[in-house]
Amino acid sequence: MKTTGIGFRCLAGLLVVAPWFLGGCFLVHVEEQSANEYAWEAKEALAAANRHFEAKEYDAAIPLYRKVLWIRPSLSLEAYRRLASIYESTGKTEDACAVYKKGLAHLKGDADYYTTYAILCKKLGRLEDALYAWRLRRELSPNDEEARREIEELQRALAESVKGGKE
Protein backbone atom coordinates (compact mmCIF):
# COMPACT_ATOMS: atom_id res chain seq x y z
CA MET A 1 0.00 0.00 0.00
CA LYS A 2 1.27 3.45 -0.86
CA THR A 3 0.11 6.78 0.46
CA THR A 4 0.63 10.30 -0.66
CA GLY A 5 1.21 13.26 1.59
CA ILE A 6 1.65 12.43 5.26
CA GLY A 7 0.99 8.71 5.23
CA PHE A 8 -2.35 8.18 6.96
CA ARG A 9 -4.01 4.88 6.07
CA CYS A 10 -7.68 4.68 5.25
CA LEU A 11 -10.09 3.08 2.80
CA ALA A 12 -10.18 3.90 -0.86
CA GLY A 13 -11.51 7.26 -1.90
CA LEU A 14 -11.36 8.88 1.51
CA LEU A 15 -9.67 12.13 2.30
CA VAL A 16 -7.90 12.76 5.56
CA VAL A 17 -8.03 16.13 7.28
CA ALA A 18 -4.60 16.79 8.75
CA PRO A 19 -3.78 19.72 11.03
CA TRP A 20 -1.33 22.18 9.57
CA PHE A 21 1.39 23.44 11.88
CA LEU A 22 0.07 27.01 11.53
CA GLY A 23 -3.34 26.10 12.89
CA GLY A 24 -5.09 25.53 9.58
CA CYS A 25 -6.04 22.28 7.88
CA PHE A 26 -5.35 20.67 4.56
CA LEU A 27 -6.67 17.60 2.82
CA VAL A 28 -4.48 14.71 1.83
CA HIS A 29 -5.62 12.13 -0.67
CA VAL A 30 -4.74 8.57 0.26
CA GLU A 31 -4.36 5.95 -2.43
CA GLU A 32 -6.62 2.98 -2.22
CA GLN A 33 -6.05 -0.26 -0.41
CA SER A 34 -8.38 -3.05 -1.43
CA ALA A 35 -10.71 -4.79 0.98
CA ASN A 36 -8.78 -8.01 0.33
CA GLU A 37 -5.55 -6.40 1.48
CA TYR A 38 -7.26 -5.24 4.68
CA ALA A 39 -8.71 -8.71 5.27
CA TRP A 40 -5.31 -10.30 4.76
CA GLU A 41 -3.63 -7.75 7.05
CA ALA A 42 -6.22 -8.36 9.79
CA LYS A 43 -5.85 -12.14 9.44
CA GLU A 44 -2.06 -11.94 9.70
CA ALA A 45 -2.21 -9.61 12.71
CA LEU A 46 -4.71 -11.90 14.44
CA ALA A 47 -2.53 -14.95 13.85
CA ALA A 48 0.52 -13.16 15.25
CA ALA A 49 -1.46 -11.83 18.23
CA ASN A 50 -2.75 -15.32 19.00
CA ARG A 51 0.80 -16.73 18.95
CA HIS A 52 1.88 -14.08 21.46
CA PHE A 53 -1.26 -14.68 23.54
CA GLU A 54 -0.60 -18.42 23.74
CA ALA A 55 3.01 -17.72 24.77
CA LYS A 56 1.71 -15.25 27.39
CA GLU A 57 3.62 -12.44 25.66
CA TYR A 58 0.86 -9.97 26.37
CA ASP A 59 2.84 -6.80 25.68
CA ALA A 60 3.40 -8.03 22.13
CA ALA A 61 -0.17 -9.29 21.67
CA ILE A 62 -1.98 -6.11 22.78
CA PRO A 63 -0.99 -3.84 19.86
CA LEU A 64 -1.70 -6.62 17.37
CA TYR A 65 -5.20 -7.22 18.75
CA ARG A 66 -5.80 -3.47 18.66
CA LYS A 67 -4.70 -3.44 15.03
CA VAL A 68 -7.16 -6.22 14.19
CA LEU A 69 -9.97 -4.32 15.90
CA TRP A 70 -9.04 -1.15 14.06
CA ILE A 71 -9.05 -2.88 10.67
CA ARG A 72 -12.07 -5.21 11.10
CA PRO A 73 -14.02 -4.37 14.28
CA SER A 74 -17.17 -6.18 13.23
CA LEU A 75 -15.42 -9.47 12.45
CA SER A 76 -13.17 -9.84 15.47
CA LEU A 77 -14.93 -11.64 18.32
CA GLU A 78 -11.73 -13.53 19.15
CA ALA A 79 -9.70 -10.31 19.27
CA TYR A 80 -12.21 -8.62 21.60
CA ARG A 81 -12.31 -11.64 23.91
CA ARG A 82 -8.56 -12.14 24.08
CA LEU A 83 -7.67 -8.47 24.47
CA ALA A 84 -10.18 -8.15 27.31
CA SER A 85 -8.82 -11.37 28.82
CA ILE A 86 -5.28 -9.97 28.77
CA TYR A 87 -6.39 -6.80 30.51
CA GLU A 88 -8.40 -8.70 33.09
CA SER A 89 -5.60 -11.18 33.86
CA THR A 90 -3.11 -8.35 34.30
CA GLY A 91 -5.37 -6.46 36.71
CA LYS A 92 -6.51 -3.83 34.21
CA THR A 93 -10.21 -4.54 34.71
CA GLU A 94 -11.31 -1.05 33.63
CA ASP A 95 -9.54 -1.56 30.30
CA ALA A 96 -11.08 -5.02 29.96
CA CYS A 97 -14.51 -3.56 30.58
CA ALA A 98 -13.92 -0.88 27.93
CA VAL A 99 -12.93 -3.53 25.37
CA TYR A 100 -16.04 -5.60 26.10
CA LYS A 101 -18.22 -2.50 25.85
CA LYS A 102 -16.73 -1.53 22.50
CA GLY A 103 -17.35 -5.05 21.25
CA LEU A 104 -21.05 -4.78 22.06
CA ALA A 105 -21.42 -2.26 19.24
CA HIS A 106 -20.00 -4.71 16.71
CA LEU A 107 -20.90 -8.18 17.94
CA LYS A 108 -24.50 -9.28 18.09
CA GLY A 109 -25.99 -12.45 19.46
CA ASP A 110 -23.24 -13.94 21.62
CA ALA A 111 -24.71 -14.89 25.00
CA ASP A 112 -21.35 -15.81 26.52
CA TYR A 113 -19.86 -12.45 25.54
CA TYR A 114 -22.80 -10.62 27.14
CA THR A 115 -22.48 -12.73 30.29
CA THR A 116 -18.75 -12.16 30.68
CA TYR A 117 -19.22 -8.42 30.21
CA ALA A 118 -22.14 -8.35 32.70
CA ILE A 119 -20.17 -10.20 35.36
CA LEU A 120 -17.17 -7.90 34.95
CA CYS A 121 -19.36 -4.78 35.12
CA LYS A 122 -21.05 -6.03 38.27
CA LYS A 123 -17.64 -6.75 39.81
CA LEU A 124 -16.59 -3.16 39.04
CA GLY A 125 -19.82 -1.72 40.45
CA ARG A 126 -21.13 -0.65 37.05
CA LEU A 127 -24.60 -1.91 37.72
CA GLU A 128 -26.33 -0.13 34.84
CA ASP A 129 -23.88 -1.59 32.32
CA ALA A 130 -24.28 -5.03 33.91
CA LEU A 131 -28.06 -4.72 33.68
CA TYR A 132 -27.81 -3.75 30.01
CA ALA A 133 -25.63 -6.78 29.23
CA TRP A 134 -27.94 -9.19 31.05
CA ARG A 135 -30.89 -7.73 29.13
CA LEU A 136 -29.06 -8.35 25.85
CA ARG A 137 -28.53 -11.95 26.88
CA ARG A 138 -32.19 -12.29 27.87
CA GLU A 139 -33.28 -11.00 24.46
CA LEU A 140 -31.50 -13.98 22.93
CA SER A 141 -33.22 -16.40 25.24
CA PRO A 142 -36.37 -15.06 26.91
CA ASN A 143 -36.65 -18.11 29.17
CA ASP A 144 -33.12 -17.74 30.55
CA GLU A 145 -33.56 -18.01 34.33
CA GLU A 146 -30.04 -16.91 35.22
CA ALA A 147 -30.47 -13.73 33.21
CA ARG A 148 -33.90 -13.12 34.76
CA ARG A 149 -32.50 -13.47 38.31
CA GLU A 150 -29.55 -11.21 37.58
CA ILE A 151 -31.79 -8.57 36.02
CA GLU A 152 -34.11 -8.59 39.04
CA GLU A 153 -31.18 -8.40 41.46
CA LEU A 154 -29.57 -5.52 39.58
CA GLN A 155 -32.87 -3.64 39.33
CA ARG A 156 -33.31 -3.95 43.12
CA ALA A 157 -29.75 -2.78 43.75
CA LEU A 158 -30.15 0.20 41.44
CA ALA A 159 -33.49 1.13 43.03
CA GLU A 160 -31.90 0.96 46.49
CA SER A 161 -28.98 3.11 45.41
CA VAL A 162 -31.38 5.74 44.04
CA LYS A 163 -33.46 5.56 47.20
CA GLY A 164 -30.33 5.83 49.37
CA GLY A 165 -29.14 8.85 47.41
CA LYS A 166 -32.37 10.78 48.06
CA GLU A 167 -32.25 10.41 51.84
Foldseek 3Di string as FASTA:
>chain_A
DDFPDPDDDDAAPDWDWDADPVGHTDIGHTHHDDLVNLVVLLVVLVVVLVVCVVVVVNVSNQVSLVSNCVSCVLPCPVSLVSNLVNCVVVPNLVVSLVSLVSSVVRDADDLVSLQVSLVSCVVVVVLVSNLVSLVSNCVNPVVDPVSVVSNVVSVVVVVVVVVVVVD
